[in-house]
Protein backbone atom coordinates (compact mmCIF):
# COMPACT_ATOMS: atom_id res chain seq x y z
CA MET A 1 -1.42 -2.34 -6.30
CA ALA A 2 -1.08 -5.86 -7.72
CA GLN A 3 -4.79 -6.34 -7.10
CA SER A 4 -5.54 -4.26 -10.18
CA LEU A 5 -3.76 -6.97 -12.19
CA PHE A 6 -5.78 -9.69 -10.45
CA LYS A 7 -9.02 -7.84 -11.28
CA ALA A 8 -8.01 -7.54 -14.93
CA LEU A 9 -7.23 -11.26 -15.14
CA LYS A 10 -10.61 -12.15 -13.61
CA GLN A 11 -12.39 -9.82 -16.01
CA GLN A 12 -10.74 -11.54 -18.99
CA GLN A 13 -11.15 -15.08 -17.62
CA PRO A 14 -13.83 -15.29 -14.90
CA ASP A 15 -12.97 -18.91 -14.12
CA VAL A 16 -9.23 -18.36 -13.75
CA SER A 17 -7.68 -19.42 -10.43
CA ILE A 18 -5.04 -16.99 -9.15
CA ASP A 19 -2.47 -18.01 -6.54
CA VAL A 20 -0.01 -15.41 -5.27
CA LEU A 21 3.48 -16.07 -3.93
CA ALA A 22 4.29 -13.17 -1.61
CA PRO A 23 6.06 -12.29 1.65
CA GLY A 24 4.33 -13.54 4.79
CA TRP A 25 3.56 -10.04 6.07
CA SER A 26 1.34 -9.40 3.03
CA LEU A 27 -0.85 -12.50 3.37
CA PRO A 28 -3.59 -10.65 5.36
CA LEU A 29 -3.92 -8.26 2.41
CA LEU A 30 -4.21 -11.10 -0.09
CA GLN A 31 -6.78 -12.87 2.08
CA ARG A 32 -9.00 -9.78 1.73
CA MET A 33 -8.80 -9.81 -2.07
CA PRO A 34 -11.70 -11.86 -3.49
CA GLU A 35 -9.76 -12.52 -6.71
CA VAL A 36 -7.02 -14.52 -4.94
CA ALA A 37 -7.63 -18.27 -4.56
CA ASP A 38 -4.54 -18.99 -2.46
CA ALA A 39 -1.79 -16.91 -0.87
CA ILE A 40 1.54 -18.72 -0.64
CA ASP A 41 4.13 -17.57 1.88
CA MET A 42 7.41 -16.57 0.23
CA PRO A 43 9.95 -17.64 2.89
CA LEU A 44 12.90 -15.72 1.44
CA GLY A 45 13.40 -12.09 2.42
CA HIS A 46 14.16 -9.14 0.17
CA GLY A 47 17.77 -9.29 -1.02
CA GLU A 48 18.28 -12.96 -0.13
CA LEU A 49 19.58 -14.99 -3.08
CA LYS A 50 19.64 -18.52 -1.55
CA LEU A 51 19.60 -20.36 -4.85
CA ALA A 52 19.12 -23.80 -3.32
CA ALA A 53 16.06 -22.69 -1.39
CA ARG A 54 14.58 -21.01 -4.46
CA ARG A 55 15.14 -24.13 -6.54
CA LEU A 56 13.51 -26.30 -3.88
CA LEU A 57 10.49 -23.99 -3.70
CA GLY A 58 10.18 -23.98 -7.47
CA LYS A 59 10.30 -27.77 -7.64
CA SER A 60 7.60 -27.99 -4.95
CA LEU A 61 5.23 -26.04 -7.22
CA ARG A 62 5.65 -28.25 -10.28
CA GLY A 63 2.61 -30.41 -9.59
CA GLN A 64 0.15 -27.53 -9.18
CA GLY A 65 -0.74 -27.29 -12.86
CA TYR A 66 0.06 -23.61 -13.28
CA ARG A 67 -0.19 -22.42 -16.89
CA GLN A 68 1.30 -18.96 -16.41
CA ALA A 69 3.42 -17.06 -13.89
CA ILE A 70 3.40 -13.26 -13.91
CA VAL A 71 6.54 -11.94 -12.23
CA LEU A 72 6.03 -8.43 -10.86
CA PRO A 73 9.47 -7.63 -9.35
CA ASN A 74 12.16 -6.83 -11.90
CA SER A 75 15.01 -8.71 -10.23
CA LEU A 76 16.78 -11.76 -11.65
CA LYS A 77 16.14 -13.85 -8.55
CA SER A 78 12.38 -13.27 -8.66
CA ALA A 79 12.20 -15.06 -12.02
CA LEU A 80 14.04 -18.15 -10.82
CA ILE A 81 11.21 -19.84 -8.93
CA PRO A 82 8.72 -19.88 -11.89
CA PHE A 83 11.56 -21.16 -14.10
CA TRP A 84 12.38 -24.00 -11.71
CA ALA A 85 8.65 -24.68 -11.28
CA ARG A 86 8.56 -25.34 -15.07
CA ILE A 87 5.55 -23.09 -15.56
CA PRO A 88 5.01 -23.00 -19.34
CA ARG A 89 4.42 -19.27 -19.75
CA ARG A 90 6.51 -16.89 -17.66
CA THR A 91 5.62 -13.22 -18.10
CA GLY A 92 7.46 -10.15 -16.84
CA TYR A 93 9.51 -7.13 -17.80
CA VAL A 94 13.01 -7.72 -19.12
CA GLY A 95 14.63 -6.46 -15.90
CA GLU A 96 18.02 -7.81 -14.87
CA MET A 97 18.95 -9.87 -17.92
CA ARG A 98 16.11 -12.37 -17.53
CA TYR A 99 15.74 -13.47 -21.16
CA GLY A 100 16.39 -17.14 -20.41
CA LEU A 101 14.10 -17.21 -17.42
CA LEU A 102 11.13 -15.36 -18.93
CA ASN A 103 9.70 -16.62 -22.23
CA ASP A 104 7.06 -13.86 -22.41
CA ALA A 105 9.39 -10.93 -21.71
CA ARG A 106 8.10 -7.41 -22.17
CA ARG A 107 9.95 -4.13 -22.58
CA LEU A 108 8.71 -1.44 -20.23
CA ASP A 109 7.78 1.89 -21.78
CA LYS A 110 7.91 4.23 -18.78
CA GLN A 111 6.45 7.08 -20.78
CA GLN A 112 3.38 5.09 -21.77
CA LEU A 113 3.05 3.45 -18.32
CA PRO A 114 4.19 6.01 -15.73
CA MET A 115 2.30 4.49 -12.78
CA THR A 116 3.26 1.29 -10.98
CA VAL A 117 -0.30 0.00 -11.09
CA GLN A 118 -0.42 0.49 -14.87
CA ARG A 119 2.79 -1.50 -15.25
CA PHE A 120 1.37 -4.36 -13.20
CA ALA A 121 -1.96 -4.40 -15.03
CA ALA A 122 -0.27 -4.34 -18.44
CA LEU A 123 1.38 -7.69 -17.70
CA GLY A 124 -2.08 -9.26 -17.70
CA GLN A 125 -2.66 -8.19 -21.31
CA ARG A 126 -1.30 -9.68 -24.51
CA LYS A 127 2.05 -8.27 -25.49
CA ASP A 128 0.53 -6.26 -28.35
CA ALA A 129 -2.62 -5.19 -26.48
CA THR A 130 -3.49 -1.60 -25.60
CA LEU A 131 -3.94 -0.99 -21.89
CA PRO A 132 -7.44 0.24 -21.01
CA ALA A 133 -7.60 3.94 -20.20
CA ALA A 134 -8.87 3.20 -16.68
CA VAL A 135 -7.20 0.55 -14.50
CA GLN A 136 -9.49 -1.09 -11.95
CA ALA A 137 -8.78 0.19 -8.45
CA PRO A 138 -7.96 -2.20 -5.60
CA SER A 139 -10.77 -2.98 -3.16
CA LEU A 140 -10.31 -4.96 0.05
CA SER A 141 -13.12 -7.01 1.58
CA VAL A 142 -13.68 -6.83 5.34
CA SER A 143 -16.17 -8.91 7.34
CA ASP A 144 -18.17 -7.74 10.35
CA GLU A 145 -16.85 -10.76 12.24
CA SER A 146 -13.21 -9.82 11.71
CA VAL A 147 -13.90 -6.22 12.75
CA GLU A 148 -15.60 -7.35 15.96
CA HIS A 149 -12.72 -9.71 16.71
CA ALA A 150 -10.17 -6.89 16.32
CA LEU A 151 -12.21 -4.55 18.53
CA SER A 152 -12.53 -7.24 21.19
CA ARG A 153 -8.85 -8.21 21.26
CA LEU A 154 -7.74 -4.59 21.57
CA GLN A 155 -10.54 -3.75 24.04
CA LEU A 156 -11.93 -1.01 21.82
CA HIS A 157 -15.50 0.15 21.48
CA LYS A 158 -17.04 0.62 18.07
CA PRO A 159 -16.78 4.35 17.38
CA GLY A 160 -19.62 6.67 16.49
CA ASP A 161 -19.96 8.55 13.23
CA LYS A 162 -16.82 10.72 13.54
CA LEU A 163 -13.66 8.58 13.58
CA LEU A 164 -10.42 10.11 12.30
CA VAL A 165 -7.52 7.74 11.61
CA LEU A 166 -4.01 9.20 11.39
CA CYS A 167 -1.15 7.26 9.75
CA PRO A 168 1.98 9.33 10.47
CA GLY A 169 4.60 6.70 9.61
CA ALA A 170 6.50 6.11 6.37
CA GLU A 171 8.86 3.18 6.09
CA PHE A 172 10.94 4.89 3.40
CA GLY A 173 12.18 7.76 5.56
CA GLU A 174 11.77 11.20 7.07
CA ALA A 175 11.25 12.97 3.75
CA LYS A 176 7.83 11.29 3.43
CA ARG A 177 6.65 12.11 6.98
CA TRP A 178 4.45 15.11 7.62
CA PRO A 179 5.68 16.75 10.88
CA ALA A 180 4.41 15.22 14.12
CA ARG A 181 3.36 18.63 15.48
CA TYR A 182 1.08 19.13 12.47
CA TYR A 183 -0.55 15.75 13.00
CA ALA A 184 -0.95 16.67 16.68
CA GLU A 185 -2.68 19.94 15.79
CA VAL A 186 -5.12 18.12 13.53
CA ALA A 187 -5.75 15.51 16.21
CA LYS A 188 -6.29 18.09 18.95
CA GLN A 189 -8.67 20.30 16.98
CA SER A 190 -10.60 17.33 15.58
CA HIS A 191 -11.04 15.91 19.08
CA GLN A 192 -12.34 19.28 20.28
CA GLN A 193 -14.96 19.10 17.51
CA GLY A 194 -16.21 15.69 18.62
CA TRP A 195 -14.04 13.32 16.63
CA GLN A 196 -12.43 10.19 18.02
CA VAL A 197 -8.81 9.97 16.85
CA TRP A 198 -6.94 6.69 16.36
CA LEU A 199 -3.22 6.53 15.53
CA PHE A 200 -2.04 3.67 13.30
CA GLY A 201 1.46 2.43 12.55
CA SER A 202 4.04 -0.27 13.10
CA GLU A 203 6.37 -0.73 16.06
CA LYS A 204 8.84 1.54 14.26
CA ASP A 205 6.27 4.35 14.40
CA GLN A 206 5.65 4.18 18.14
CA LEU A 207 7.96 7.08 18.99
CA VAL A 208 6.25 9.42 16.55
CA THR A 209 2.71 8.36 17.51
CA ALA A 210 3.55 8.77 21.20
CA SER A 211 4.88 12.25 20.45
CA ILE A 212 1.73 13.16 18.52
CA ASN A 213 -0.50 11.94 21.33
CA GLN A 214 1.47 13.88 23.93
CA LEU A 215 1.42 17.08 21.88
CA ALA A 216 -2.32 16.66 21.34
CA GLY A 217 -3.00 16.36 25.08
CA ASN A 218 -3.32 12.54 25.05
CA CYS A 219 -6.65 12.72 23.25
CA CYS A 220 -5.81 9.88 20.83
CA THR A 221 -6.06 6.11 20.96
CA ASP A 222 -2.53 5.03 20.03
CA LEU A 223 -2.60 1.67 18.21
CA ALA A 224 0.90 1.82 16.70
CA GLY A 225 2.65 -1.51 17.10
CA LYS A 226 -0.41 -3.05 18.78
CA THR A 227 -2.30 -4.27 15.74
CA ARG A 228 -1.50 -7.02 13.32
CA LEU A 229 -1.82 -5.98 9.69
CA ALA A 230 -5.14 -7.81 9.40
CA GLU A 231 -6.48 -5.93 12.41
CA ALA A 232 -5.24 -2.59 11.10
CA ILE A 233 -7.16 -3.20 7.86
CA ASP A 234 -10.33 -4.23 9.69
CA LEU A 235 -10.22 -1.33 12.15
CA MET A 236 -9.44 1.22 9.44
CA SER A 237 -12.63 0.15 7.69
CA LEU A 238 -14.49 1.95 10.53
CA ALA A 239 -12.87 5.32 9.80
CA ASP A 240 -14.80 8.28 8.46
CA VAL A 241 -11.62 10.09 7.41
CA VAL A 242 -8.02 8.88 7.08
CA ILE A 243 -5.01 11.21 6.92
CA SER A 244 -1.82 9.51 5.82
CA ASN A 245 1.65 10.03 4.46
CA ASP A 246 2.53 8.26 1.22
CA SER A 247 2.75 4.79 2.78
CA GLY A 248 1.33 1.29 2.67
CA LEU A 249 -1.51 2.30 5.00
CA MET A 250 -2.43 5.07 2.56
CA HIS A 251 -3.01 2.43 -0.12
CA VAL A 252 -5.00 0.32 2.36
CA ALA A 253 -7.26 3.31 3.11
CA ALA A 254 -7.78 3.89 -0.61
CA ALA A 255 -8.64 0.22 -1.16
CA LEU A 256 -11.17 0.42 1.69
CA ASN A 257 -12.81 3.36 -0.12
CA LYS A 258 -12.25 5.69 2.81
CA SER A 259 -12.39 9.47 2.64
CA LEU A 260 -8.63 9.96 2.39
CA VAL A 261 -6.25 12.90 2.64
CA ALA A 262 -2.85 11.79 1.27
CA ILE A 263 0.20 13.93 2.03
CA TYR A 264 3.17 13.87 -0.34
CA GLY A 265 6.66 15.25 0.24
CA SER A 266 9.66 13.66 -1.48
CA SER A 267 7.61 11.21 -3.56
CA ASP A 268 5.44 11.64 -6.64
CA PRO A 269 1.67 11.04 -6.66
CA GLY A 270 1.92 10.57 -10.40
CA PHE A 271 3.90 7.36 -9.82
CA THR A 272 2.21 5.75 -6.80
CA PRO A 273 -1.02 7.64 -6.12
CA PRO A 274 -3.81 6.40 -3.86
CA LEU A 275 -5.97 4.44 -6.27
CA ASN A 276 -9.27 5.98 -5.31
CA PRO A 277 -10.76 8.87 -7.29
CA GLU A 278 -12.21 10.37 -4.10
CA ALA A 279 -8.80 10.69 -2.39
CA LYS A 280 -7.53 14.23 -1.87
CA ILE A 281 -3.80 14.59 -2.57
CA LEU A 282 -1.91 17.40 -0.84
CA ARG A 283 1.45 18.35 -2.32
CA LEU A 284 3.22 21.69 -2.62
CA GLY A 285 5.05 20.81 -5.84
CA LEU A 286 8.23 22.73 -5.04
CA ASP A 287 11.03 22.99 -7.60
CA CYS A 288 13.10 20.54 -5.54
CA SER A 289 10.41 17.86 -5.41
CA PRO A 290 9.92 15.06 -6.00
CA CYS A 291 13.49 14.15 -5.05
CA PHE A 292 12.69 10.55 -4.00
CA LYS A 293 15.23 10.83 -1.15
CA ARG A 294 14.90 9.31 2.33
CA GLU A 295 16.12 12.54 3.90
CA CYS A 296 15.87 16.06 2.51
CA PRO A 297 19.10 16.69 0.52
CA LEU A 298 18.72 20.43 1.19
CA GLY A 299 18.14 19.97 4.91
CA HIS A 300 14.91 21.98 5.18
CA LEU A 301 11.97 19.63 4.37
CA ASN A 302 10.07 22.60 2.96
CA CYS A 303 7.89 20.28 0.88
CA LEU A 304 6.31 19.09 4.15
CA GLU A 305 7.00 21.96 6.56
CA GLY A 306 5.18 24.35 4.23
CA LEU A 307 2.09 22.15 4.11
CA LYS A 308 0.24 23.57 7.12
CA PRO A 309 -2.61 21.88 9.05
CA ASP A 310 -5.18 24.35 7.72
CA LYS A 311 -4.81 22.76 4.26
CA VAL A 312 -5.60 19.37 5.76
CA PHE A 313 -8.67 20.75 7.53
CA MET A 314 -9.85 22.19 4.22
CA ALA A 315 -9.35 18.81 2.55
CA MET A 316 -11.32 17.17 5.38
CA GLY A 317 -14.13 19.62 4.82
CA ILE A 318 -14.12 20.99 8.39
CA GLU A 319 -13.30 24.40 9.79
CA PRO A 320 -10.21 24.76 12.00
CA LEU A 321 -10.76 26.31 15.39
């Protein structure tokens, strides 16, 4: 979602050079964003304070000539590195008492900026500027060469014109995961209608993807835990349709301009929607949702259990068997 900020900065200043300090896992994403000049590996994990290491990293950036740092996380520690790097203009939301660290501190109006992407993009504007009505959507660039390399390493053949990608994982928790048996039903019926079905996910998703494949009669190509992030992006670019929970891969599919069916349970598509106007969002909108919980506090998961496969088929534009 930060790419919308990068696009806004490039629109305002076409010659601006944008470097991004980010966790190592995200570097393949940044490398596929044309707006990013350099992606710098952030060696410190989430929740790690390590003041000495942050100070050392900040000092190492002093000679790079940066004029501005835009700090997207709201934590105190995230503002330390730009401060120690002596970057003249340090922009971000007030957050955890960061007045001394940020000298271009903004107050966040959550009513005016309800979406995460709007909040990011607003930091690229002047403090008194009005955010444009439409924020530019992310768009990842994929090369034919990188796609062929991913296919070759994983010993896959380039699919025909009916490739369905399923992304059944959700790092946040069970309350964002559409039931495995529903994914299996979609996979099985799609395969019977001539679709190839690929399952995507991390190593943590291997149990659920294996269950889906088994329930679907082993008709799927299970890639969970077998692809690097870069390869997952490149291979997903081949999909005709992607079905995903509210997850990182959902946002990747949207940024690849795929025909996307996004399934929401405990989370709110008004806050972190897929940033593609063609995406179809499925959500029941029960009185108890969105609860933003990892597990259903009422113990029934009705927000997902009640969302039957036939609704997904309708969103895909195909008839269930």
